């Protein structure tokens, strides 16, 4: 009997030790207040560092309307990077003007879509921009849809450095002449930002915008 009791104790003791360790671990977890601002800020910063890690190679942006006359404009832009930091651009846009041949895509050196964008501020390292109507131009169909891709675009920056930059869609729009009060040929009316209302001259404008983020993740830049 004494021998069987000793054997029983040998079996029970490891289980008791494991139970005590679990109780101790749980007590430590419960001791952390999830509502503590310091804890939340620390966790948020850790998550942001992980999301902006240089170990990923795909970015995406949800494009939203930035021009009052085209309220339904939208779609998505996806960037796929390769080993030498060149990237392919896949775009799927809707509700552009039909047969738009002045529309093009670019990345801007801003981390917000609530900015006034200048065409000279494309995000690139070299002297010559990789973004223009000739290089990254897109043409919409009769329904205003544009689907396609650009291959081996290079702005000199990795996926990490392009993260949270503004992906924008440019288009040439025409203002209303103050003398005649008529619309331009495309039937588009300027909202007043940097356009010659006296002559109704055309000007390139940002009509859609979205921030580039790690594909599959949603977070604030």
C-alpha atoms as a PDB file:
ATOM      1  CA  UNK A   1       0.000   0.000   0.000  1.00  0.00           C
ATOM      2  CA  UNK A   2       2.849   2.373   0.954  1.00  0.00           C
ATOM      3  CA  UNK A   3       4.502   1.781  -2.403  1.00  0.00           C
ATOM      4  CA  UNK A   4       1.292   2.393  -4.332  1.00  0.00           C
ATOM      5  CA  UNK A   5       0.743   5.643  -2.395  1.00  0.00           C
ATOM      6  CA  UNK A   6       4.208   6.883  -3.314  1.00  0.00           C
ATOM      7  CA  UNK A   7       3.637   6.084  -6.970  1.00  0.00           C
ATOM      8  CA  UNK A   8       0.300   7.900  -6.825  1.00  0.00           C
ATOM      9  CA  UNK A   9       1.973  10.978  -5.332  1.00  0.00           C
ATOM     10  CA  UNK A  10       4.596  10.962  -8.071  1.00  0.00           C
ATOM     11  CA  UNK A  11       1.799  11.097 -10.660  1.00  0.00           C
ATOM     12  CA  UNK A  12      -0.149  13.818  -8.882  1.00  0.00           C
ATOM     13  CA  UNK A  13       2.715  16.228  -8.104  1.00  0.00           C
ATOM     14  CA  UNK A  14       3.517  17.188 -11.747  1.00  0.00           C
ATOM     15  CA  UNK A  15      -0.162  17.896 -12.379  1.00  0.00           C
ATOM     16  CA  UNK A  16      -0.329  20.126  -9.288  1.00  0.00           C
ATOM     17  CA  UNK A  17       2.759  22.053 -10.420  1.00  0.00           C
ATOM     18  CA  UNK A  18       1.259  22.573 -13.888  1.00  0.00           C
ATOM     19  CA  UNK A  19      -2.010  23.775 -12.347  1.00  0.00           C
ATOM     20  CA  UNK A  20      -0.153  26.279 -10.139  1.00  0.00           C
ATOM     21  CA  UNK A  21       1.772  27.614 -13.139  1.00  0.00           C
ATOM     22  CA  UNK A  22      -1.444  28.118 -15.105  1.00  0.00           C
ATOM     23  CA  UNK A  23      -3.086  29.930 -12.189  1.00  0.00           C
ATOM     24  CA  UNK A  24      -0.050  32.220 -11.875  1.00  0.00           C
ATOM     25  CA  UNK A  25      -0.046  33.018 -15.610  1.00  0.00           C
ATOM     26  CA  UNK A  26      -3.753  33.778 -15.637  1.00  0.00           C
ATOM     27  CA  UNK A  27      -3.442  36.055 -12.629  1.00  0.00           C
ATOM     28  CA  UNK A  28      -0.747  38.054 -14.426  1.00  0.00           C
ATOM     29  CA  UNK A  29      -2.879  38.414 -17.574  1.00  0.00           C
ATOM     30  CA  UNK A  30      -5.874  39.536 -15.546  1.00  0.00           C
ATOM     31  CA  UNK A  31      -3.691  42.070 -13.774  1.00  0.00           C
ATOM     32  CA  UNK A  32      -3.318  43.996 -17.092  1.00  0.00           C
ATOM     33  CA  UNK A  33      -6.119  46.501 -17.479  1.00  0.00           C
ATOM     34  CA  UNK A  34      -7.135  46.436 -21.185  1.00  0.00           C
ATOM     35  CA  UNK A  35      -8.628  49.909 -20.718  1.00  0.00           C
ATOM     36  CA  UNK A  36      -5.349  51.389 -19.492  1.00  0.00           C
ATOM     37  CA  UNK A  37      -4.423  54.100 -22.042  1.00  0.00           C
ATOM     38  CA  UNK A  38      -0.720  53.306 -21.721  1.00  0.00           C
ATOM     39  CA  UNK A  39      -1.334  49.645 -22.557  1.00  0.00           C
ATOM     40  CA  UNK A  40      -3.582  50.498 -25.504  1.00  0.00           C
ATOM     41  CA  UNK A  41      -1.083  52.985 -26.953  1.00  0.00           C
ATOM     42  CA  UNK A  42       1.748  50.463 -26.588  1.00  0.00           C
ATOM     43  CA  UNK A  43      -0.283  47.733 -28.289  1.00  0.00           C
ATOM     44  CA  UNK A  44      -1.358  50.108 -31.088  1.00  0.00           C
ATOM     45  CA  UNK A  45       2.231  51.190 -31.746  1.00  0.00           C
ATOM     46  CA  UNK A  46       3.374  47.565 -31.815  1.00  0.00           C
ATOM     47  CA  UNK A  47       0.636  46.664 -34.290  1.00  0.00           C
ATOM     48  CA  UNK A  48       1.501  49.616 -36.527  1.00  0.00           C
ATOM     49  CA  UNK A  49       5.187  48.608 -36.597  1.00  0.00           C
ATOM     50  CA  UNK A  50       4.151  45.108 -37.623  1.00  0.00           C
ATOM     51  CA  UNK A  51       1.839  46.420 -40.342  1.00  0.00           C
ATOM     52  CA  UNK A  52       4.577  48.655 -41.747  1.00  0.00           C
ATOM     53  CA  UNK A  53       7.179  45.911 -41.618  1.00  0.00           C
ATOM     54  CA  UNK A  54       9.404  45.771 -44.698  1.00  0.00           C
ATOM     55  CA  UNK A  55       8.630  42.060 -45.156  1.00  0.00           C
ATOM     56  CA  UNK A  56       5.537  42.509 -47.340  1.00  0.00           C
ATOM     57  CA  UNK A  57       5.220  43.320 -51.037  1.00  0.00           C
ATOM     58  CA  UNK A  58       1.568  44.198 -51.772  1.00  0.00           C
ATOM     59  CA  UNK A  59      -0.292  47.448 -51.180  1.00  0.00           C
ATOM     60  CA  UNK A  60      -3.844  48.469 -51.980  1.00  0.00           C
ATOM     61  CA  UNK A  61      -5.905  51.649 -51.909  1.00  0.00           C
ATOM     62  CA  UNK A  62      -9.650  52.183 -52.001  1.00  0.00           C
ATOM     63  CA  UNK A  63     -10.252  55.078 -54.377  1.00  0.00           C
ATOM     64  CA  UNK A  64     -12.944  57.578 -53.431  1.00  0.00           C
ATOM     65  CA  UNK A  65     -14.335  60.584 -55.255  1.00  0.00           C
ATOM     66  CA  UNK A  66     -12.485  63.898 -54.882  1.00  0.00           C
ATOM     67  CA  UNK A  67     -14.409  65.892 -57.469  1.00  0.00           C
ATOM     68  CA  UNK A  68     -17.944  67.120 -56.882  1.00  0.00           C
ATOM     69  CA  UNK A  69     -19.172  66.526 -60.409  1.00  0.00           C
ATOM     70  CA  UNK A  70     -18.241  62.824 -60.276  1.00  0.00           C
ATOM     71  CA  UNK A  71     -19.892  61.749 -57.026  1.00  0.00           C
ATOM     72  CA  UNK A  72     -20.015  58.033 -57.887  1.00  0.00           C
ATOM     73  CA  UNK A  73     -16.376  57.678 -58.907  1.00  0.00           C
ATOM     74  CA  UNK A  74     -14.581  54.894 -57.032  1.00  0.00           C
ATOM     75  CA  UNK A  75     -12.669  51.652 -57.267  1.00  0.00           C
ATOM     76  CA  UNK A  76      -9.374  50.182 -56.164  1.00  0.00           C
ATOM     77  CA  UNK A  77      -5.637  50.299 -56.898  1.00  0.00           C
ATOM     78  CA  UNK A  78      -3.303  47.396 -56.057  1.00  0.00           C
ATOM     79  CA  UNK A  79       0.502  47.449 -56.137  1.00  0.00           C
ATOM     80  CA  UNK A  80       2.556  44.240 -56.375  1.00  0.00           C
ATOM     81  CA  UNK A  81       6.285  44.744 -55.710  1.00  0.00           C
ATOM     82  CA  UNK A  82       9.102  42.544 -56.977  1.00  0.00           C
ATOM     83  CA  UNK A  83      12.618  41.971 -55.657  1.00  0.00           C
ATOM     84  CA  UNK A  84      14.079  45.215 -57.094  1.00  0.00           C
ATOM     85  CA  UNK A  85      11.257  47.458 -55.791  1.00  0.00           C
ATOM     86  CA  UNK A  86       9.583  47.849 -59.167  1.00  0.00           C
ATOM     87  CA  UNK A  87       5.859  47.244 -58.965  1.00  0.00           C
ATOM     88  CA  UNK A  88       2.905  46.297 -61.125  1.00  0.00           C
ATOM     89  CA  UNK A  89      -0.238  48.379 -60.769  1.00  0.00           C
ATOM     90  CA  UNK A  90      -3.660  46.768 -61.098  1.00  0.00           C
ATOM     91  CA  UNK A  91      -6.559  49.204 -61.297  1.00  0.00           C
ATOM     92  CA  UNK A  92     -10.314  48.724 -61.304  1.00  0.00           C
ATOM     93  CA  UNK A  93     -12.208  52.030 -61.464  1.00  0.00           C
ATOM     94  CA  UNK A  94     -15.786  52.965 -62.202  1.00  0.00           C
ATOM     95  CA  UNK A  95     -17.863  56.064 -62.998  1.00  0.00           C
ATOM     96  CA  UNK A  96     -15.128  58.016 -64.728  1.00  0.00           C
ATOM     97  CA  UNK A  97     -16.253  60.086 -67.736  1.00  0.00           C
ATOM     98  CA  UNK A  98     -16.831  57.752 -70.667  1.00  0.00           C
ATOM     99  CA  UNK A  99     -13.872  57.356 -73.009  1.00  0.00           C
ATOM    100  CA  UNK A 100     -11.664  59.455 -70.723  1.00  0.00           C
ATOM    101  CA  UNK A 101      -8.270  59.675 -72.444  1.00  0.00           C
ATOM    102  CA  UNK A 102      -6.703  62.252 -70.112  1.00  0.00           C
ATOM    103  CA  UNK A 103      -7.002  60.170 -66.936  1.00  0.00           C
ATOM    104  CA  UNK A 104      -3.878  58.778 -65.302  1.00  0.00           C
ATOM    105  CA  UNK A 105      -2.630  57.279 -62.038  1.00  0.00           C
ATOM    106  CA  UNK A 106       0.147  58.524 -59.757  1.00  0.00           C
ATOM    107  CA  UNK A 107       1.444  58.335 -56.190  1.00  0.00           C
ATOM    108  CA  UNK A 108       1.811  61.602 -54.295  1.00  0.00           C
ATOM    109  CA  UNK A 109       4.241  62.508 -51.527  1.00  0.00           C
ATOM    110  CA  UNK A 110       1.415  63.003 -49.018  1.00  0.00           C
ATOM    111  CA  UNK A 111      -0.164  60.810 -46.332  1.00  0.00           C
ATOM    112  CA  UNK A 112      -3.603  62.363 -46.656  1.00  0.00           C
ATOM    113  CA  UNK A 113      -6.219  62.788 -49.376  1.00  0.00           C
ATOM    114  CA  UNK A 114      -7.367  66.099 -47.869  1.00  0.00           C
ATOM    115  CA  UNK A 115      -4.617  68.103 -49.550  1.00  0.00           C
ATOM    116  CA  UNK A 116      -4.292  70.313 -52.604  1.00  0.00           C
ATOM    117  CA  UNK A 117      -2.135  68.239 -54.942  1.00  0.00           C
ATOM    118  CA  UNK A 118       0.300  69.697 -57.432  1.00  0.00           C
ATOM    119  CA  UNK A 119       1.434  67.639 -60.432  1.00  0.00           C
ATOM    120  CA  UNK A 120       5.037  68.440 -59.541  1.00  0.00           C
ATOM    121  CA  UNK A 121       4.727  66.535 -56.248  1.00  0.00           C
ATOM    122  CA  UNK A 122       4.640  62.965 -57.582  1.00  0.00           C
ATOM    123  CA  UNK A 123       6.391  60.565 -55.187  1.00  0.00           C
ATOM    124  CA  UNK A 124       9.624  59.416 -56.865  1.00  0.00           C
ATOM    125  CA  UNK A 125      13.386  59.580 -56.377  1.00  0.00           C
ATOM    126  CA  UNK A 126      14.666  60.110 -59.915  1.00  0.00           C
ATOM    127  CA  UNK A 127      14.558  63.419 -61.769  1.00  0.00           C
ATOM    128  CA  UNK A 128      12.016  62.102 -64.275  1.00  0.00           C
ATOM    129  CA  UNK A 129       8.605  61.105 -62.916  1.00  0.00           C
ATOM    130  CA  UNK A 130       7.341  57.586 -63.723  1.00  0.00           C
ATOM    131  CA  UNK A 131       3.764  58.933 -63.625  1.00  0.00           C
ATOM    132  CA  UNK A 132       2.081  60.765 -66.493  1.00  0.00           C
ATOM    133  CA  UNK A 133      -0.704  60.426 -69.027  1.00  0.00           C
ATOM    134  CA  UNK A 134       1.815  58.785 -71.390  1.00  0.00           C
ATOM    135  CA  UNK A 135       3.306  56.352 -68.829  1.00  0.00           C
ATOM    136  CA  UNK A 136       0.410  55.496 -66.491  1.00  0.00           C
ATOM    137  CA  UNK A 137      -2.548  56.748 -68.501  1.00  0.00           C
ATOM    138  CA  UNK A 138      -5.838  54.847 -68.373  1.00  0.00           C
ATOM    139  CA  UNK A 139      -8.808  54.987 -70.734  1.00  0.00           C
ATOM    140  CA  UNK A 140     -12.359  54.370 -69.600  1.00  0.00           C
ATOM    141  CA  UNK A 141     -14.979  52.598 -71.704  1.00  0.00           C
ATOM    142  CA  UNK A 142     -18.439  53.789 -72.723  1.00  0.00           C
ATOM    143  CA  UNK A 143     -19.708  53.119 -69.186  1.00  0.00           C
ATOM    144  CA  UNK A 144     -16.887  55.042 -67.518  1.00  0.00           C
ATOM    145  CA  UNK A 145     -15.178  51.861 -66.301  1.00  0.00           C
ATOM    146  CA  UNK A 146     -11.406  51.387 -66.483  1.00  0.00           C
ATOM    147  CA  UNK A 147      -9.758  48.032 -65.760  1.00  0.00           C
ATOM    148  CA  UNK A 148      -6.147  47.203 -66.509  1.00  0.00           C
ATOM    149  CA  UNK A 149      -2.539  47.177 -65.322  1.00  0.00           C
ATOM    150  CA  UNK A 150       0.818  48.930 -65.602  1.00  0.00           C
ATOM    151  CA  UNK A 151       3.935  46.757 -65.573  1.00  0.00           C
ATOM    152  CA  UNK A 152       7.303  47.454 -63.882  1.00  0.00           C
ATOM    153  CA  UNK A 153       6.595  50.932 -62.552  1.00  0.00           C
ATOM    154  CA  UNK A 154       9.548  52.289 -60.564  1.00  0.00           C
ATOM    155  CA  UNK A 155       9.383  55.334 -58.293  1.00  0.00           C
ATOM    156  CA  UNK A 156      12.582  54.384 -56.462  1.00  0.00           C
ATOM    157  CA  UNK A 157      10.790  53.426 -53.244  1.00  0.00           C
ATOM    158  CA  UNK A 158      10.016  50.099 -51.582  1.00  0.00           C
ATOM    159  CA  UNK A 159       6.592  48.870 -50.471  1.00  0.00           C
ATOM    160  CA  UNK A 160       7.431  50.061 -46.953  1.00  0.00           C
ATOM    161  CA  UNK A 161       8.225  53.596 -48.133  1.00  0.00           C
ATOM    162  CA  UNK A 162       5.115  53.744 -50.353  1.00  0.00           C
ATOM    163  CA  UNK A 163       2.880  52.739 -47.443  1.00  0.00           C
ATOM    164  CA  UNK A 164       0.305  55.426 -46.521  1.00  0.00           C
ATOM    165  CA  UNK A 165       1.181  57.542 -49.573  1.00  0.00           C
ATOM    166  CA  UNK A 166      -1.744  58.931 -51.580  1.00  0.00           C
ATOM    167  CA  UNK A 167      -2.715  57.004 -54.719  1.00  0.00           C
ATOM    168  CA  UNK A 168      -4.545  59.466 -56.954  1.00  0.00           C
ATOM    169  CA  UNK A 169      -6.423  59.544 -60.246  1.00  0.00           C
ATOM    170  CA  UNK A 170      -5.899  62.636 -62.372  1.00  0.00           C
ATOM    171  CA  UNK A 171      -8.171  63.885 -65.146  1.00  0.00           C
ATOM    172  CA  UNK A 172      -8.433  66.975 -67.286  1.00  0.00           C
ATOM    173  CA  UNK A 173     -11.521  68.992 -66.404  1.00  0.00           C
ATOM    174  CA  UNK A 174     -12.963  72.147 -67.895  1.00  0.00           C
ATOM    175  CA  UNK A 175     -14.430  75.140 -66.098  1.00  0.00           C
ATOM    176  CA  UNK A 176     -17.440  77.311 -66.886  1.00  0.00           C
ATOM    177  CA  UNK A 177     -16.862  80.537 -68.774  1.00  0.00           C
ATOM    178  CA  UNK A 178     -17.968  83.532 -66.683  1.00  0.00           C
ATOM    179  CA  UNK A 179     -19.079  85.410 -69.850  1.00  0.00           C
ATOM    180  CA  UNK A 180     -21.272  82.862 -71.560  1.00  0.00           C
ATOM    181  CA  UNK A 181     -22.228  80.780 -68.539  1.00  0.00           C
ATOM    182  CA  UNK A 182     -21.936  77.656 -70.695  1.00  0.00           C
ATOM    183  CA  UNK A 183     -20.430  74.362 -69.706  1.00  0.00           C
ATOM    184  CA  UNK A 184     -17.236  73.027 -71.244  1.00  0.00           C
ATOM    185  CA  UNK A 185     -17.226  70.425 -73.984  1.00  0.00           C
ATOM    186  CA  UNK A 186     -17.248  67.575 -71.478  1.00  0.00           C
ATOM    187  CA  UNK A 187     -20.105  69.092 -69.481  1.00  0.00           C
ATOM    188  CA  UNK A 188     -17.942  69.386 -66.385  1.00  0.00           C
ATOM    189  CA  UNK A 189     -18.127  72.345 -64.031  1.00  0.00           C
ATOM    190  CA  UNK A 190     -15.162  73.421 -61.911  1.00  0.00           C
ATOM    191  CA  UNK A 191     -15.564  73.438 -58.136  1.00  0.00           C
ATOM    192  CA  UNK A 192     -13.328  76.505 -58.015  1.00  0.00           C
ATOM    193  CA  UNK A 193      -9.922  75.067 -57.167  1.00  0.00           C
ATOM    194  CA  UNK A 194      -7.171  76.565 -59.337  1.00  0.00           C
ATOM    195  CA  UNK A 195      -8.987  76.840 -62.650  1.00  0.00           C
ATOM    196  CA  UNK A 196      -9.351  79.765 -65.026  1.00  0.00           C
ATOM    197  CA  UNK A 197     -13.052  80.644 -64.875  1.00  0.00           C
ATOM    198  CA  UNK A 198     -12.666  83.556 -67.288  1.00  0.00           C
ATOM    199  CA  UNK A 199     -11.682  81.398 -70.233  1.00  0.00           C
ATOM    200  CA  UNK A 200     -13.008  78.035 -69.069  1.00  0.00           C
ATOM    201  CA  UNK A 201      -9.566  76.537 -69.770  1.00  0.00           C
ATOM    202  CA  UNK A 202      -8.778  72.916 -68.976  1.00  0.00           C
ATOM    203  CA  UNK A 203      -6.619  71.841 -66.060  1.00  0.00           C
ATOM    204  CA  UNK A 204      -5.471  68.529 -64.629  1.00  0.00           C
ATOM    205  CA  UNK A 205      -7.198  67.806 -61.355  1.00  0.00           C
ATOM    206  CA  UNK A 206      -7.201  64.997 -58.791  1.00  0.00           C
ATOM    207  CA  UNK A 207     -10.610  63.381 -59.164  1.00  0.00           C
ATOM    208  CA  UNK A 208     -10.046  60.280 -56.997  1.00  0.00           C
ATOM    209  CA  UNK A 209      -7.782  59.392 -54.089  1.00  0.00           C
ATOM    210  CA  UNK A 210      -7.001  56.648 -51.555  1.00  0.00           C
ATOM    211  CA  UNK A 211      -4.142  55.835 -49.164  1.00  0.00           C
ATOM    212  CA  UNK A 212      -1.922  52.846 -49.934  1.00  0.00           C
ATOM    213  CA  UNK A 213      -1.995  50.270 -47.144  1.00  0.00           C
ATOM    214  CA  UNK A 214      -0.748  46.743 -46.620  1.00  0.00           C
ATOM    215  CA  UNK A 215      -3.082  44.447 -48.523  1.00  0.00           C
ATOM    216  CA  UNK A 216      -5.705  42.794 -46.339  1.00  0.00           C
ATOM    217  CA  UNK A 217      -5.233  45.172 -43.386  1.00  0.00           C
ATOM    218  CA  UNK A 218      -7.247  48.183 -42.250  1.00  0.00           C
ATOM    219  CA  UNK A 219      -5.580  50.804 -40.088  1.00  0.00           C
ATOM    220  CA  UNK A 220      -5.088  54.552 -39.775  1.00  0.00           C
ATOM    221  CA  UNK A 221      -1.985  56.033 -41.353  1.00  0.00           C
END
